[in-house]
Amino acid sequence: MKKVLLCGLFLVLALAFAACGKKEEKPSELSFEYSSWYEPSRKNIFSTERSIIQKDLVANGVTSAVWKISDEDLAEIAALIKKYDVGSLNEDLQKYTKKIGDFMATVSPLEQISFTYTLDGKTYTITTNNAIMKGLPGELKVHNLSVFFDELTKILYRQKEYQSLPAAKGGYQ
């Protein structure tokens, strides 16, 4: 009986020491500003730094709202950034942009996109447009960036603060 109690006590102590040695994984620290626009004076903006959403209402200018992204949505965006290794794509994006320069001139309207983010102390900026996002066959890394932006905008446009803003009227040609 003493042996069973000693073994049980030893097991409890061993588990307790093992738990003390485990590091709890810290969630990624992320801040970002995403902007997209057809007209530079009327940008759609989602900024965690400035706690603001700005929406382009096209014919009616812009409107904005105070915004606090949920921890869950922030974690989801951090996971997407890591999944698509977004920070490493900028060099490939610049090469690709030079390659399709003439094609970009044929796309109208041309939507510009800027995404600056700081993740775990490192800051990155990606600037692109919808002509690049259309991509050419075989440009897998650039395609991954397009998929990333599609998934990111789904998260951003579902924000309740964005949904509460008035609908845009008109369009770009």
Protein backbone atom coordinates (compact mmCIF):
# COMPACT_ATOMS: atom_id res chain seq x y z
CA MET A 1 0.00 0.00 0.00
CA LYS A 2 2.87 2.39 0.84
CA LYS A 3 4.50 1.57 -2.50
CA VAL A 4 1.29 2.49 -4.34
CA LEU A 5 0.99 5.77 -2.43
CA LEU A 6 4.67 6.58 -3.05
CA CYS A 7 4.32 5.78 -6.73
CA GLY A 8 1.19 7.93 -6.92
CA LEU A 9 2.90 10.81 -5.10
CA PHE A 10 5.93 10.48 -7.38
CA LEU A 11 3.67 10.57 -10.45
CA VAL A 12 1.85 13.69 -9.22
CA LEU A 13 5.16 15.45 -8.50
CA ALA A 14 6.58 14.44 -11.88
CA LEU A 15 3.52 15.84 -13.67
CA ALA A 16 3.66 19.04 -11.62
CA PHE A 17 7.33 19.60 -12.51
CA ALA A 18 6.63 18.84 -16.17
CA ALA A 19 3.81 21.41 -16.21
CA CYS A 20 6.11 24.03 -14.65
CA GLY A 21 8.65 23.54 -17.42
CA LYS A 22 6.14 24.07 -20.25
CA LYS A 23 6.04 27.53 -21.76
CA GLU A 24 2.62 28.79 -22.60
CA GLU A 25 2.66 29.92 -26.22
CA LYS A 26 2.15 33.65 -26.37
CA PRO A 27 -0.26 34.90 -29.02
CA SER A 28 1.30 36.93 -31.80
CA GLU A 29 1.30 40.69 -31.34
CA LEU A 30 -0.18 42.22 -34.47
CA SER A 31 -1.10 45.72 -35.54
CA PHE A 32 -1.92 46.74 -39.08
CA GLU A 33 -3.38 49.24 -41.51
CA TYR A 34 -5.10 47.98 -44.64
CA SER A 35 -6.13 50.48 -47.32
CA SER A 36 -7.74 50.02 -50.71
CA TRP A 37 -8.82 52.71 -53.13
CA TYR A 38 -9.72 53.63 -56.67
CA GLU A 39 -9.53 57.33 -55.87
CA PRO A 40 -6.71 58.35 -53.45
CA SER A 41 -8.90 60.87 -51.64
CA ARG A 42 -11.53 58.20 -50.88
CA LYS A 43 -9.80 55.22 -49.30
CA ASN A 44 -11.26 52.24 -47.50
CA ILE A 45 -9.12 51.98 -44.35
CA PHE A 46 -8.96 49.49 -41.49
CA SER A 47 -6.41 50.60 -38.89
CA THR A 48 -5.78 48.89 -35.58
CA GLU A 49 -3.20 51.59 -34.72
CA ARG A 50 -5.69 54.45 -35.15
CA SER A 51 -8.73 52.37 -34.11
CA ILE A 52 -10.63 53.47 -37.19
CA ILE A 53 -12.53 52.16 -40.18
CA GLN A 54 -13.03 54.50 -43.12
CA LYS A 55 -15.38 53.56 -45.96
CA ASP A 56 -15.45 54.95 -49.48
CA LEU A 57 -19.07 55.85 -50.27
CA VAL A 58 -18.11 56.62 -53.92
CA ALA A 59 -20.58 59.38 -54.90
CA ASN A 60 -21.04 60.47 -51.28
CA GLY A 61 -17.41 60.87 -50.15
CA VAL A 62 -16.21 58.84 -47.16
CA THR A 63 -17.45 58.02 -43.71
CA SER A 64 -15.69 56.51 -40.70
CA ALA A 65 -16.26 54.76 -37.40
CA VAL A 66 -14.26 53.95 -34.29
CA TRP A 67 -13.11 50.35 -34.47
CA LYS A 68 -11.69 47.80 -32.06
CA ILE A 69 -10.94 44.47 -33.68
CA SER A 70 -11.66 41.39 -31.58
CA ASP A 71 -8.80 39.27 -30.27
CA GLU A 72 -10.23 36.33 -32.24
CA ASP A 73 -10.22 38.23 -35.55
CA LEU A 74 -6.74 39.59 -34.85
CA ALA A 75 -5.49 36.05 -34.16
CA GLU A 76 -7.15 34.85 -37.37
CA ILE A 77 -5.38 37.56 -39.39
CA ALA A 78 -2.02 36.79 -37.72
CA ALA A 79 -2.49 33.12 -38.63
CA LEU A 80 -3.22 34.07 -42.27
CA ILE A 81 -0.08 36.24 -42.43
CA LYS A 82 1.97 33.31 -41.18
CA LYS A 83 0.18 30.75 -43.38
CA TYR A 84 0.94 32.71 -46.57
CA ASP A 85 4.31 34.03 -45.32
CA VAL A 86 3.20 37.48 -46.47
CA GLY A 87 6.34 39.29 -45.34
CA SER A 88 8.53 37.25 -47.67
CA LEU A 89 6.38 37.95 -50.74
CA ASN A 90 7.30 41.61 -51.25
CA GLU A 91 10.48 40.93 -53.26
CA ASP A 92 8.65 38.51 -55.58
CA LEU A 93 5.82 41.01 -55.88
CA GLN A 94 8.19 43.78 -57.02
CA LYS A 95 9.75 41.53 -59.70
CA TYR A 96 6.30 40.47 -60.88
CA THR A 97 5.08 44.10 -60.97
CA LYS A 98 7.90 45.02 -63.36
CA LYS A 99 7.08 41.99 -65.52
CA ILE A 100 3.43 42.96 -66.06
CA GLY A 101 3.78 46.75 -66.14
CA ASP A 102 2.15 47.13 -69.58
CA PHE A 103 -0.76 44.89 -68.60
CA MET A 104 -1.54 47.08 -65.57
CA ALA A 105 -2.15 50.06 -67.85
CA THR A 106 -5.07 48.16 -69.46
CA VAL A 107 -6.94 47.46 -66.21
CA SER A 108 -9.65 49.96 -65.37
CA PRO A 109 -10.66 50.82 -62.79
CA LEU A 110 -7.36 50.10 -61.06
CA GLU A 111 -7.79 49.37 -57.35
CA GLN A 112 -4.71 50.13 -55.24
CA ILE A 113 -4.01 48.12 -52.08
CA SER A 114 -1.63 48.86 -49.23
CA PHE A 115 -1.09 46.65 -46.19
CA THR A 116 1.37 47.64 -43.49
CA TYR A 117 1.64 45.38 -40.50
CA THR A 118 3.80 44.78 -37.47
CA LEU A 119 3.89 41.20 -36.28
CA ASP A 120 6.02 40.17 -33.33
CA GLY A 121 8.11 43.35 -33.58
CA LYS A 122 8.82 43.25 -37.35
CA THR A 123 7.14 45.69 -39.74
CA TYR A 124 6.30 44.95 -43.38
CA THR A 125 4.54 46.89 -46.13
CA ILE A 126 2.93 45.35 -49.19
CA THR A 127 1.64 47.66 -51.93
CA THR A 128 -0.12 46.21 -54.94
CA ASN A 129 -3.21 46.56 -57.14
CA ASN A 130 -6.00 44.50 -58.63
CA ALA A 131 -4.14 44.03 -61.95
CA ILE A 132 -1.35 42.25 -60.10
CA MET A 133 -3.85 40.30 -58.02
CA LYS A 134 -5.37 38.88 -61.22
CA GLY A 135 -1.97 37.25 -61.71
CA LEU A 136 -0.46 35.27 -64.51
CA PRO A 137 -0.31 31.47 -64.60
CA GLY A 138 2.72 30.07 -62.82
CA GLU A 139 3.12 32.98 -60.39
CA LEU A 140 2.25 30.90 -57.32
CA LYS A 141 3.73 33.23 -54.72
CA VAL A 142 1.86 36.22 -56.13
CA HIS A 143 -1.27 34.06 -56.30
CA ASN A 144 -0.82 33.27 -52.58
CA LEU A 145 -0.80 37.00 -51.89
CA SER A 146 -4.05 37.35 -53.83
CA VAL A 147 -5.63 34.53 -51.78
CA PHE A 148 -4.34 36.18 -48.59
CA PHE A 149 -5.97 39.52 -49.51
CA ASP A 150 -9.24 37.76 -50.40
CA GLU A 151 -9.31 36.06 -46.99
CA LEU A 152 -8.22 39.23 -45.18
CA THR A 153 -10.92 41.37 -46.75
CA LYS A 154 -13.59 38.80 -45.85
CA ILE A 155 -12.58 39.22 -42.20
CA LEU A 156 -12.42 43.02 -42.43
CA TYR A 157 -15.69 43.55 -44.29
CA ARG A 158 -17.61 41.37 -41.81
CA GLN A 159 -16.67 43.72 -38.94
CA LYS A 160 -19.84 45.03 -37.27
CA GLU A 161 -18.52 48.60 -37.36
CA TYR A 162 -18.03 48.36 -41.13
CA GLN A 163 -21.44 46.74 -41.62
CA SER A 164 -23.07 49.62 -39.70
CA LEU A 165 -21.74 52.24 -42.15
CA PRO A 166 -23.96 53.43 -45.02
CA ALA A 167 -23.85 51.65 -48.37
CA ALA A 168 -21.79 53.14 -51.19
CA LYS A 169 -23.71 54.80 -54.02
CA GLY A 170 -22.35 54.85 -57.55
CA GLY A 171 -19.30 53.11 -58.92
CA TYR A 172 -15.97 53.52 -60.63
CA GLN A 173 -15.39 53.17 -64.33
